[in-house]
Amino acid sequence: MPEPTIARKAPVKVAVEAGKTYHWCACGKSANQPMCDGSHKGTGFVPLAYTADATGEKWFCACKHSATKPLCDGTHKKL
Protein backbone atom coordinates (compact mmCIF):
# COMPACT_ATOMS: atom_id res chain seq x y z
CA MET A 1 0.00 0.00 0.00
CA PRO A 2 1.31 3.51 -0.75
CA GLU A 3 2.14 6.03 1.96
CA PRO A 4 -0.68 8.44 2.84
CA THR A 5 -0.33 12.14 2.11
CA ILE A 6 0.41 14.19 5.21
CA ALA A 7 -2.53 16.60 5.28
CA ARG A 8 -0.95 18.61 8.12
CA LYS A 9 1.47 18.06 10.99
CA ALA A 10 -0.99 18.81 13.75
CA PRO A 11 -4.20 17.11 14.91
CA VAL A 12 -7.67 18.47 14.24
CA LYS A 13 -10.10 19.00 17.13
CA VAL A 14 -13.57 17.68 16.27
CA ALA A 15 -16.74 17.93 18.32
CA VAL A 16 -18.26 14.44 18.30
CA GLU A 17 -21.65 13.14 19.34
CA ALA A 18 -22.12 9.88 21.25
CA GLY A 19 -23.25 7.05 18.97
CA LYS A 20 -22.56 8.97 15.75
CA THR A 21 -20.18 7.44 13.19
CA TYR A 22 -17.54 9.57 11.49
CA HIS A 23 -15.47 8.54 8.46
CA TRP A 24 -11.84 9.56 8.90
CA CYS A 25 -9.73 10.24 5.82
CA ALA A 26 -6.92 7.67 5.63
CA CYS A 27 -5.33 8.86 2.37
CA GLY A 28 -4.70 12.49 3.33
CA LYS A 29 -6.21 13.87 0.12
CA SER A 30 -9.62 14.97 1.45
CA ALA A 31 -10.40 18.68 1.29
CA ASN A 32 -12.61 18.09 4.37
CA GLN A 33 -9.82 17.08 6.80
CA PRO A 34 -9.82 15.09 8.92
CA MET A 35 -12.95 13.50 7.47
CA CYS A 36 -13.33 11.72 4.15
CA ASP A 37 -14.74 13.44 1.08
CA GLY A 38 -14.23 10.55 -1.36
CA SER A 39 -10.84 11.74 -2.66
CA HIS A 40 -9.36 8.31 -1.90
CA LYS A 41 -11.03 6.71 -4.92
CA GLY A 42 -8.39 4.91 -6.97
CA THR A 43 -5.67 5.25 -4.30
CA GLY A 44 -6.02 1.91 -2.50
CA PHE A 45 -7.04 3.68 0.71
CA VAL A 46 -10.44 3.46 2.40
CA PRO A 47 -11.83 5.72 5.14
CA LEU A 48 -11.86 4.46 8.71
CA ALA A 49 -15.20 4.46 10.51
CA TYR A 50 -15.10 5.86 14.05
CA THR A 51 -18.13 5.73 16.34
CA ALA A 52 -17.96 8.15 19.27
CA ASP A 53 -18.51 6.56 22.66
CA ALA A 54 -19.28 9.91 24.32
CA THR A 55 -20.20 13.44 23.30
CA GLY A 56 -17.27 15.82 23.50
CA GLU A 57 -14.12 16.80 21.65
CA LYS A 58 -11.58 14.42 20.12
CA TRP A 59 -8.26 15.15 18.43
CA PHE A 60 -8.19 13.40 15.05
CA CYS A 61 -4.90 12.59 13.34
CA ALA A 62 -4.15 14.71 10.25
CA CYS A 63 -0.64 13.41 9.53
CA LYS A 64 -2.15 9.97 8.78
CA HIS A 65 0.67 8.12 10.59
CA SER A 66 -0.77 7.72 14.11
CA ALA A 67 -0.61 4.27 15.69
CA THR A 68 -4.03 4.99 17.25
CA LYS A 69 -5.90 5.92 14.07
CA PRO A 70 -8.11 7.83 13.70
CA LEU A 71 -7.06 9.67 16.87
CA CYS A 72 -3.77 11.51 17.30
CA ASP A 73 -0.94 9.91 19.27
CA GLY A 74 1.67 12.65 18.68
CA THR A 75 3.44 10.91 15.77
CA HIS A 76 3.24 14.18 13.76
CA LYS A 77 5.98 15.58 16.03
CA LYS A 78 8.43 13.03 14.60
CA LEU A 79 7.67 13.56 10.89
PDB file of N, CA and C in Angstrom:
ATOM      1  N   MET A   1       0.853  -1.180   0.000  1.00  0.00           N
ATOM      2  CA  MET A   1       0.000   0.000   0.000  1.00  0.00           C
ATOM      3  C   MET A   1       0.899   1.243   0.000  1.00  0.00           C
ATOM      4  N   PRO A   2       0.516   2.272  -0.722  1.00  0.00           N
ATOM      5  CA  PRO A   2       1.310   3.506  -0.754  1.00  0.00           C
ATOM      6  C   PRO A   2       1.229   4.262   0.578  1.00  0.00           C
ATOM      7  N   GLU A   3       2.154   5.179   0.766  1.00  0.00           N
ATOM      8  CA  GLU A   3       2.142   6.027   1.958  1.00  0.00           C
ATOM      9  C   GLU A   3       1.036   7.073   1.826  1.00  0.00           C
ATOM     10  N   PRO A   4       0.340   7.392   2.913  1.00  0.00           N
ATOM     11  CA  PRO A   4      -0.683   8.439   2.841  1.00  0.00           C
ATOM     12  C   PRO A   4      -0.033   9.817   2.720  1.00  0.00           C
ATOM     13  N   THR A   5      -0.765  10.756   2.178  1.00  0.00           N
ATOM     14  CA  THR A   5      -0.332  12.142   2.105  1.00  0.00           C
ATOM     15  C   THR A   5      -0.491  12.766   3.486  1.00  0.00           C
ATOM     16  N   ILE A   6       0.514  13.492   3.931  1.00  0.00           N
ATOM     17  CA  ILE A   6       0.415  14.190   5.213  1.00  0.00           C
ATOM     18  C   ILE A   6      -0.424  15.445   4.969  1.00  0.00           C
ATOM     19  N   ALA A   7      -1.633  15.456   5.492  1.00  0.00           N
ATOM     20  CA  ALA A   7      -2.531  16.602   5.284  1.00  0.00           C
ATOM     21  C   ALA A   7      -2.041  17.809   6.070  1.00  0.00           C
ATOM     22  N   ARG A   8      -1.565  17.566   7.291  1.00  0.00           N
ATOM     23  CA  ARG A   8      -0.947  18.608   8.118  1.00  0.00           C
ATOM     24  C   ARG A   8      -0.269  17.949   9.300  1.00  0.00           C
ATOM     25  N   LYS A   9       0.698  18.627   9.885  1.00  0.00           N
ATOM     26  CA  LYS A   9       1.473  18.060  10.987  1.00  0.00           C
ATOM     27  C   LYS A   9       0.957  18.548  12.337  1.00  0.00           C
ATOM     28  N   ALA A  10      -0.327  18.479  12.496  1.00  0.00           N
ATOM     29  CA  ALA A  10      -0.993  18.813  13.752  1.00  0.00           C
ATOM     30  C   ALA A  10      -2.368  18.145  13.724  1.00  0.00           C
ATOM     31  N   PRO A  11      -2.877  17.730  14.877  1.00  0.00           N
ATOM     32  CA  PRO A  11      -4.198  17.105  14.907  1.00  0.00           C
ATOM     33  C   PRO A  11      -5.309  18.135  14.702  1.00  0.00           C
ATOM     34  N   VAL A  12      -6.501  17.625  14.443  1.00  0.00           N
ATOM     35  CA  VAL A  12      -7.673  18.472  14.242  1.00  0.00           C
ATOM     36  C   VAL A  12      -8.684  18.152  15.340  1.00  0.00           C
ATOM     37  N   LYS A  13      -9.106  19.186  16.069  1.00  0.00           N
ATOM     38  CA  LYS A  13     -10.099  19.002  17.130  1.00  0.00           C
ATOM     39  C   LYS A  13     -11.488  18.941  16.499  1.00  0.00           C
ATOM     40  N   VAL A  14     -12.234  17.891  16.831  1.00  0.00           N
ATOM     41  CA  VAL A  14     -13.570  17.681  16.272  1.00  0.00           C
ATOM     42  C   VAL A  14     -14.552  17.454  17.411  1.00  0.00           C
ATOM     43  N   ALA A  15     -15.656  18.166  17.371  1.00  0.00           N
ATOM     44  CA  ALA A  15     -16.744  17.929  18.323  1.00  0.00           C
ATOM     45  C   ALA A  15     -17.512  16.704  17.834  1.00  0.00           C
ATOM     46  N   VAL A  16     -17.568  15.669  18.670  1.00  0.00           N
ATOM     47  CA  VAL A  16     -18.255  14.436  18.296  1.00  0.00           C
ATOM     48  C   VAL A  16     -19.475  14.218  19.177  1.00  0.00           C
ATOM     49  N   GLU A  17     -20.391  13.434  18.652  1.00  0.00           N
ATOM     50  CA  GLU A  17     -21.646  13.142  19.339  1.00  0.00           C
ATOM     51  C   GLU A  17     -21.718  11.647  19.628  1.00  0.00           C
ATOM     52  N   ALA A  18     -22.041  11.281  20.847  1.00  0.00           N
ATOM     53  CA  ALA A  18     -22.124   9.877  21.246  1.00  0.00           C
ATOM     54  C   ALA A  18     -23.005   9.078  20.297  1.00  0.00           C
ATOM     55  N   GLY A  19     -22.499   7.934  19.848  1.00  0.00           N
ATOM     56  CA  GLY A  19     -23.252   7.050  18.966  1.00  0.00           C
ATOM     57  C   GLY A  19     -23.170   7.399  17.489  1.00  0.00           C
ATOM     58  N   LYS A  20     -22.660   8.563  17.148  1.00  0.00           N
ATOM     59  CA  LYS A  20     -22.562   8.966  15.751  1.00  0.00           C
ATOM     60  C   LYS A  20     -21.267   8.416  15.145  1.00  0.00           C
ATOM     61  N   THR A  21     -21.342   7.975  13.890  1.00  0.00           N
ATOM     62  CA  THR A  21     -20.184   7.436  13.194  1.00  0.00           C
ATOM     63  C   THR A  21     -19.604   8.481  12.256  1.00  0.00           C
ATOM     64  N   TYR A  22     -18.291   8.624  12.315  1.00  0.00           N
ATOM     65  CA  TYR A  22     -17.536   9.567  11.485  1.00  0.00           C
ATOM     66  C   TYR A  22     -16.596   8.764  10.592  1.00  0.00           C
ATOM     67  N   HIS A  23     -16.342   9.252   9.397  1.00  0.00           N
ATOM     68  CA  HIS A  23     -15.468   8.541   8.462  1.00  0.00           C
ATOM     69  C   HIS A  23     -14.200   9.352   8.252  1.00  0.00           C
ATOM     70  N   TRP A  24     -13.127   8.896   8.893  1.00  0.00           N
ATOM     71  CA  TRP A  24     -11.837   9.561   8.902  1.00  0.00           C
ATOM     72  C   TRP A  24     -11.090   9.298   7.596  1.00  0.00           C
ATOM     73  N   CYS A  25     -10.533  10.337   7.047  1.00  0.00           N
ATOM     74  CA  CYS A  25      -9.734  10.239   5.821  1.00  0.00           C
ATOM     75  C   CYS A  25      -8.425   9.522   6.122  1.00  0.00           C
ATOM     76  N   ALA A  26      -8.156   8.427   5.440  1.00  0.00           N
ATOM     77  CA  ALA A  26      -6.918   7.675   5.628  1.00  0.00           C
ATOM     78  C   ALA A  26      -5.859   8.018   4.586  1.00  0.00           C
ATOM     79  N   CYS A  27      -6.275   8.597   3.464  1.00  0.00           N
ATOM     80  CA  CYS A  27      -5.331   8.861   2.371  1.00  0.00           C
ATOM     81  C   CYS A  27      -4.635  10.214   2.492  1.00  0.00           C
ATOM     82  N   GLY A  28      -5.264  11.163   3.174  1.00  0.00           N
ATOM     83  CA  GLY A  28      -4.698  12.495   3.328  1.00  0.00           C
ATOM     84  C   GLY A  28      -5.073  13.462   2.221  1.00  0.00           C
ATOM     85  N   LYS A  29      -5.877  13.032   1.265  1.00  0.00           N
ATOM     86  CA  LYS A  29      -6.213  13.871   0.116  1.00  0.00           C
ATOM     87  C   LYS A  29      -7.534  14.630   0.253  1.00  0.00           C
ATOM     88  N   SER A  30      -8.318  14.325   1.263  1.00  0.00           N
ATOM     89  CA  SER A  30      -9.619  14.968   1.447  1.00  0.00           C
ATOM     90  C   SER A  30      -9.481  16.469   1.673  1.00  0.00           C
ATOM     91  N   ALA A  31     -10.358  17.239   1.062  1.00  0.00           N
ATOM     92  CA  ALA A  31     -10.403  18.684   1.289  1.00  0.00           C
ATOM     93  C   ALA A  31     -11.190  18.979   2.568  1.00  0.00           C
ATOM     94  N   ASN A  32     -11.786  17.958   3.166  1.00  0.00           N
ATOM     95  CA  ASN A  32     -12.610  18.093   4.367  1.00  0.00           C
ATOM     96  C   ASN A  32     -11.907  17.463   5.574  1.00  0.00           C
ATOM     97  N   GLN A  33     -10.601  17.691   5.730  1.00  0.00           N
ATOM     98  CA  GLN A  33      -9.816  17.077   6.803  1.00  0.00           C
ATOM     99  C   GLN A  33     -10.389  17.389   8.171  1.00  0.00           C
ATOM    100  N   PRO A  34     -10.423  16.404   9.045  1.00  0.00           N
ATOM    101  CA  PRO A  34      -9.816  15.091   8.922  1.00  0.00           C
ATOM    102  C   PRO A  34     -10.780  14.026   8.393  1.00  0.00           C
ATOM    103  N   MET A  35     -11.938  14.454   7.935  1.00  0.00           N
ATOM    104  CA  MET A  35     -12.945  13.502   7.470  1.00  0.00           C
ATOM    105  C   MET A  35     -12.853  13.265   5.966  1.00  0.00           C
ATOM    106  N   CYS A  36     -13.375  12.148   5.552  1.00  0.00           N
ATOM    107  CA  CYS A  36     -13.330  11.717   4.153  1.00  0.00           C
ATOM    108  C   CYS A  36     -14.314  12.500   3.282  1.00  0.00           C
ATOM    109  N   ASP A  37     -13.855  12.829   2.069  1.00  0.00           N
ATOM    110  CA  ASP A  37     -14.743  13.444   1.084  1.00  0.00           C
ATOM    111  C   ASP A  37     -14.790  12.629  -0.210  1.00  0.00           C
ATOM    112  N   GLY A  38     -14.218  11.416  -0.183  1.00  0.00           N
ATOM    113  CA  GLY A  38     -14.228  10.550  -1.359  1.00  0.00           C
ATOM    114  C   GLY A  38     -12.995  10.681  -2.232  1.00  0.00           C
ATOM    115  N   SER A  39     -12.049  11.525  -1.860  1.00  0.00           N
ATOM    116  CA  SER A  39     -10.843  11.741  -2.664  1.00  0.00           C
ATOM    117  C   SER A  39      -9.939  10.515  -2.742  1.00  0.00           C
ATOM    118  N   HIS A  40     -10.183   9.517  -1.905  1.00  0.00           N
ATOM    119  CA  HIS A  40      -9.359   8.311  -1.898  1.00  0.00           C
ATOM    120  C   HIS A  40      -9.618   7.392  -3.092  1.00  0.00           C
ATOM    121  N   LYS A  41     -10.677   7.617  -3.818  1.00  0.00           N
ATOM    122  CA  LYS A  41     -11.029   6.710  -4.915  1.00  0.00           C
ATOM    123  C   LYS A  41      -9.847   6.521  -5.862  1.00  0.00           C
ATOM    124  N   GLY A  42      -9.484   5.262  -6.083  1.00  0.00           N
ATOM    125  CA  GLY A  42      -8.386   4.909  -6.967  1.00  0.00           C
ATOM    126  C   GLY A  42      -7.020   4.914  -6.298  1.00  0.00           C
ATOM    127  N   THR A  43      -6.961   5.181  -4.983  1.00  0.00           N
ATOM    128  CA  THR A  43      -5.668   5.254  -4.296  1.00  0.00           C
ATOM    129  C   THR A  43      -5.306   3.979  -3.546  1.00  0.00           C
ATOM    130  N   GLY A  44      -6.267   3.088  -3.318  1.00  0.00           N
ATOM    131  CA  GLY A  44      -6.020   1.909  -2.504  1.00  0.00           C
ATOM    132  C   GLY A  44      -6.350   2.133  -1.038  1.00  0.00           C
ATOM    133  N   PHE A  45      -6.667   3.363  -0.662  1.00  0.00           N
ATOM    134  CA  PHE A  45      -7.039   3.683   0.707  1.00  0.00           C
ATOM    135  C   PHE A  45      -8.555   3.646   0.855  1.00  0.00           C
ATOM    136  N   VAL A  46      -9.021   3.384   2.072  1.00  0.00           N
ATOM    137  CA  VAL A  46     -10.440   3.463   2.400  1.00  0.00           C
ATOM    138  C   VAL A  46     -10.571   4.239   3.705  1.00  0.00           C
ATOM    139  N   PRO A  47     -11.653   4.978   3.889  1.00  0.00           N
ATOM    140  CA  PRO A  47     -11.828   5.716   5.140  1.00  0.00           C
ATOM    141  C   PRO A  47     -12.022   4.760   6.312  1.00  0.00           C
ATOM    142  N   LEU A  48     -11.705   5.246   7.489  1.00  0.00           N
ATOM    143  CA  LEU A  48     -11.856   4.459   8.709  1.00  0.00           C
ATOM    144  C   LEU A  48     -13.067   4.977   9.475  1.00  0.00           C
ATOM    145  N   ALA A  49     -14.007   4.074   9.764  1.00  0.00           N
ATOM    146  CA  ALA A  49     -15.197   4.457  10.514  1.00  0.00           C
ATOM    147  C   ALA A  49     -14.848   4.558  11.997  1.00  0.00           C
ATOM    148  N   TYR A  50     -15.308   5.628  12.621  1.00  0.00           N
ATOM    149  CA  TYR A  50     -15.096   5.857  14.054  1.00  0.00           C
ATOM    150  C   TYR A  50     -16.437   6.225  14.664  1.00  0.00           C
ATOM    151  N   THR A  51     -16.884   5.446  15.653  1.00  0.00           N
ATOM    152  CA  THR A  51     -18.127   5.733  16.345  1.00  0.00           C
ATOM    153  C   THR A  51     -17.792   6.281  17.731  1.00  0.00           C
ATOM    154  N   ALA A  52     -18.254   7.485  17.995  1.00  0.00           N
ATOM    155  CA  ALA A  52     -17.961   8.152  19.270  1.00  0.00           C
ATOM    156  C   ALA A  52     -18.669   7.444  20.413  1.00  0.00           C
ATOM    157  N   ASP A  53     -17.924   7.210  21.490  1.00  0.00           N
ATOM    158  CA  ASP A  53     -18.514   6.563  22.656  1.00  0.00           C
ATOM    159  C   ASP A  53     -19.113   7.573  23.631  1.00  0.00           C
ATOM    160  N   ALA A  54     -18.749   8.849  23.456  1.00  0.00           N
ATOM    161  CA  ALA A  54     -19.278   9.907  24.315  1.00  0.00           C
ATOM    162  C   ALA A  54     -19.284  11.224  23.546  1.00  0.00           C
ATOM    163  N   THR A  55     -20.168  12.114  23.916  1.00  0.00           N
ATOM    164  CA  THR A  55     -20.205  13.443  23.299  1.00  0.00           C
ATOM    165  C   THR A  55     -19.079  14.276  23.900  1.00  0.00           C
ATOM    166  N   GLY A  56     -18.379  14.994  23.037  1.00  0.00           N
ATOM    167  CA  GLY A  56     -17.268  15.819  23.503  1.00  0.00           C
ATOM    168  C   GLY A  56     -16.346  16.156  22.351  1.00  0.00           C
ATOM    169  N   GLU A  57     -15.103  16.458  22.668  1.00  0.00           N
ATOM    170  CA  GLU A  57     -14.119  16.797  21.645  1.00  0.00           C
ATOM    171  C   GLU A  57     -13.051  15.721  21.577  1.00  0.00           C
ATOM    172  N   LYS A  58     -12.643  15.396  20.363  1.00  0.00           N
ATOM    173  CA  LYS A  58     -11.582  14.418  20.118  1.00  0.00           C
ATOM    174  C   LYS A  58     -10.572  15.058  19.181  1.00  0.00           C
ATOM    175  N   TRP A  59      -9.314  14.670  19.315  1.00  0.00           N
ATOM    176  CA  TRP A  59      -8.255  15.155  18.432  1.00  0.00           C
ATOM    177  C   TRP A  59      -7.982  14.076  17.395  1.00  0.00           C
ATOM    178  N   PHE A  60      -8.374  14.343  16.149  1.00  0.00           N
ATOM    179  CA  PHE A  60      -8.188  13.398  15.053  1.00  0.00           C
ATOM    180  C   PHE A  60      -6.839  13.626  14.374  1.00  0.00           C
ATOM    181  N   CYS A  61      -6.189  12.545  14.011  1.00  0.00           N
ATOM    182  CA  CYS A  61      -4.898  12.594  13.337  1.00  0.00           C
ATOM    183  C   CYS A  61      -5.053  13.199  11.936  1.00  0.00           C
ATOM    184  N   ALA A  62      -4.161  14.132  11.596  1.00  0.00           N
ATOM    185  CA  ALA A  62      -4.155  14.712  10.246  1.00  0.00           C
ATOM    186  C   ALA A  62      -2.872  14.362   9.501  1.00  0.00           C
ATOM    187  N   CYS A  63      -1.876  13.803  10.214  1.00  0.00           N
ATOM    188  CA  CYS A  63      -0.636  13.406   9.530  1.00  0.00           C
ATOM    189  C   CYS A  63      -0.786  12.026   8.890  1.00  0.00           C
ATOM    190  N   LYS A  64      -1.798  11.288   9.314  1.00  0.00           N
ATOM    191  CA  LYS A  64      -2.153   9.971   8.780  1.00  0.00           C
ATOM    192  C   LYS A  64      -1.178   8.866   9.168  1.00  0.00           C
ATOM    193  N   HIS A  65      -0.312   9.106  10.165  1.00  0.00           N
ATOM    194  CA  HIS A  65       0.672   8.122  10.587  1.00  0.00           C
ATOM    195  C   HIS A  65       0.506   7.670  12.043  1.00  0.00           C
ATOM    196  N   SER A  66      -0.541   8.082  12.716  1.00  0.00           N
ATOM    197  CA  SER A  66      -0.772   7.720  14.112  1.00  0.00           C
ATOM    198  C   SER A  66      -0.926   6.208  14.276  1.00  0.00           C
ATOM    199  N   ALA A  67      -0.423   5.685  15.366  1.00  0.00           N
ATOM    200  CA  ALA A  67      -0.615   4.267  15.685  1.00  0.00           C
ATOM    201  C   ALA A  67      -1.995   4.028  16.291  1.00  0.00           C
ATOM    202  N   THR A  68      -2.704   5.106  16.640  1.00  0.00           N
ATOM    203  CA  THR A  68      -4.025   4.992  17.255  1.00  0.00           C
ATOM    204  C   THR A  68      -5.093   5.600  16.344  1.00  0.00           C
ATOM    205  N   LYS A  69      -4.960   5.370  15.047  1.00  0.00           N
ATOM    206  CA  LYS A  69      -5.899   5.919  14.067  1.00  0.00           C
ATOM    207  C   LYS A  69      -7.335   5.621  14.455  1.00  0.00           C
ATOM    208  N   PRO A  70      -8.229   6.534  14.334  1.00  0.00           N
ATOM    209  CA  PRO A  70      -8.106   7.833  13.697  1.00  0.00           C
ATOM    210  C   PRO A  70      -7.663   8.950  14.635  1.00  0.00           C
ATOM    211  N   LEU A  71      -7.408   8.628  15.902  1.00  0.00           N
ATOM    212  CA  LEU A  71      -7.063   9.666  16.870  1.00  0.00           C
ATOM    213  C   LEU A  71      -5.550   9.895  16.903  1.00  0.00           C
ATOM    214  N   CYS A  72      -5.178  11.097  17.249  1.00  0.00           N
ATOM    215  CA  CYS A  72      -3.773  11.508  17.296  1.00  0.00           C
ATOM    216  C   CYS A  72      -3.044  10.849  18.447  1.00  0.00           C
ATOM    217  N   ASP A  73      -1.798  10.431  18.208  1.00  0.00           N
ATOM    218  CA  ASP A  73      -0.936   9.914  19.268  1.00  0.00           C
ATOM    219  C   ASP A  73       0.377  10.690  19.371  1.00  0.00           C
ATOM    220  N   GLY A  74       0.467  11.813  18.635  1.00  0.00           N
ATOM    221  CA  GLY A  74       1.666  12.646  18.684  1.00  0.00           C
ATOM    222  C   GLY A  74       2.721  12.305  17.649  1.00  0.00           C
ATOM    223  N   THR A  75       2.467  11.322  16.797  1.00  0.00           N
ATOM    224  CA  THR A  75       3.436  10.913  15.773  1.00  0.00           C
ATOM    225  C   THR A  75       3.840  12.083  14.880  1.00  0.00           C
ATOM    226  N   HIS A  76       2.944  13.038  14.661  1.00  0.00           N
ATOM    227  CA  HIS A  76       3.239  14.175  13.764  1.00  0.00           C
ATOM    228  C   HIS A  76       4.476  14.948  14.225  1.00  0.00           C
ATOM    229  N   LYS A  77       4.810  14.862  15.497  1.00  0.00           N
ATOM    230  CA  LYS A  77       5.976  15.582  16.030  1.00  0.00           C
ATOM    231  C   LYS A  77       7.287  14.963  15.550  1.00  0.00           C
ATOM    232  N   LYS A  78       7.226  13.729  15.043  1.00  0.00           N
ATOM    233  CA  LYS A  78       8.429  13.028  14.597  1.00  0.00           C
ATOM    234  C   LYS A  78       8.569  13.000  13.077  1.00  0.00           C
ATOM    235  N   LEU A  79       7.634  13.596  12.367  1.00  0.00           N
ATOM    236  CA  LEU A  79       7.673  13.556  10.894  1.00  0.00           C
ATOM    237  C   LEU A  79       8.449  14.736  10.331  1.00  0.00           C
TER     238      LEU A  79
END
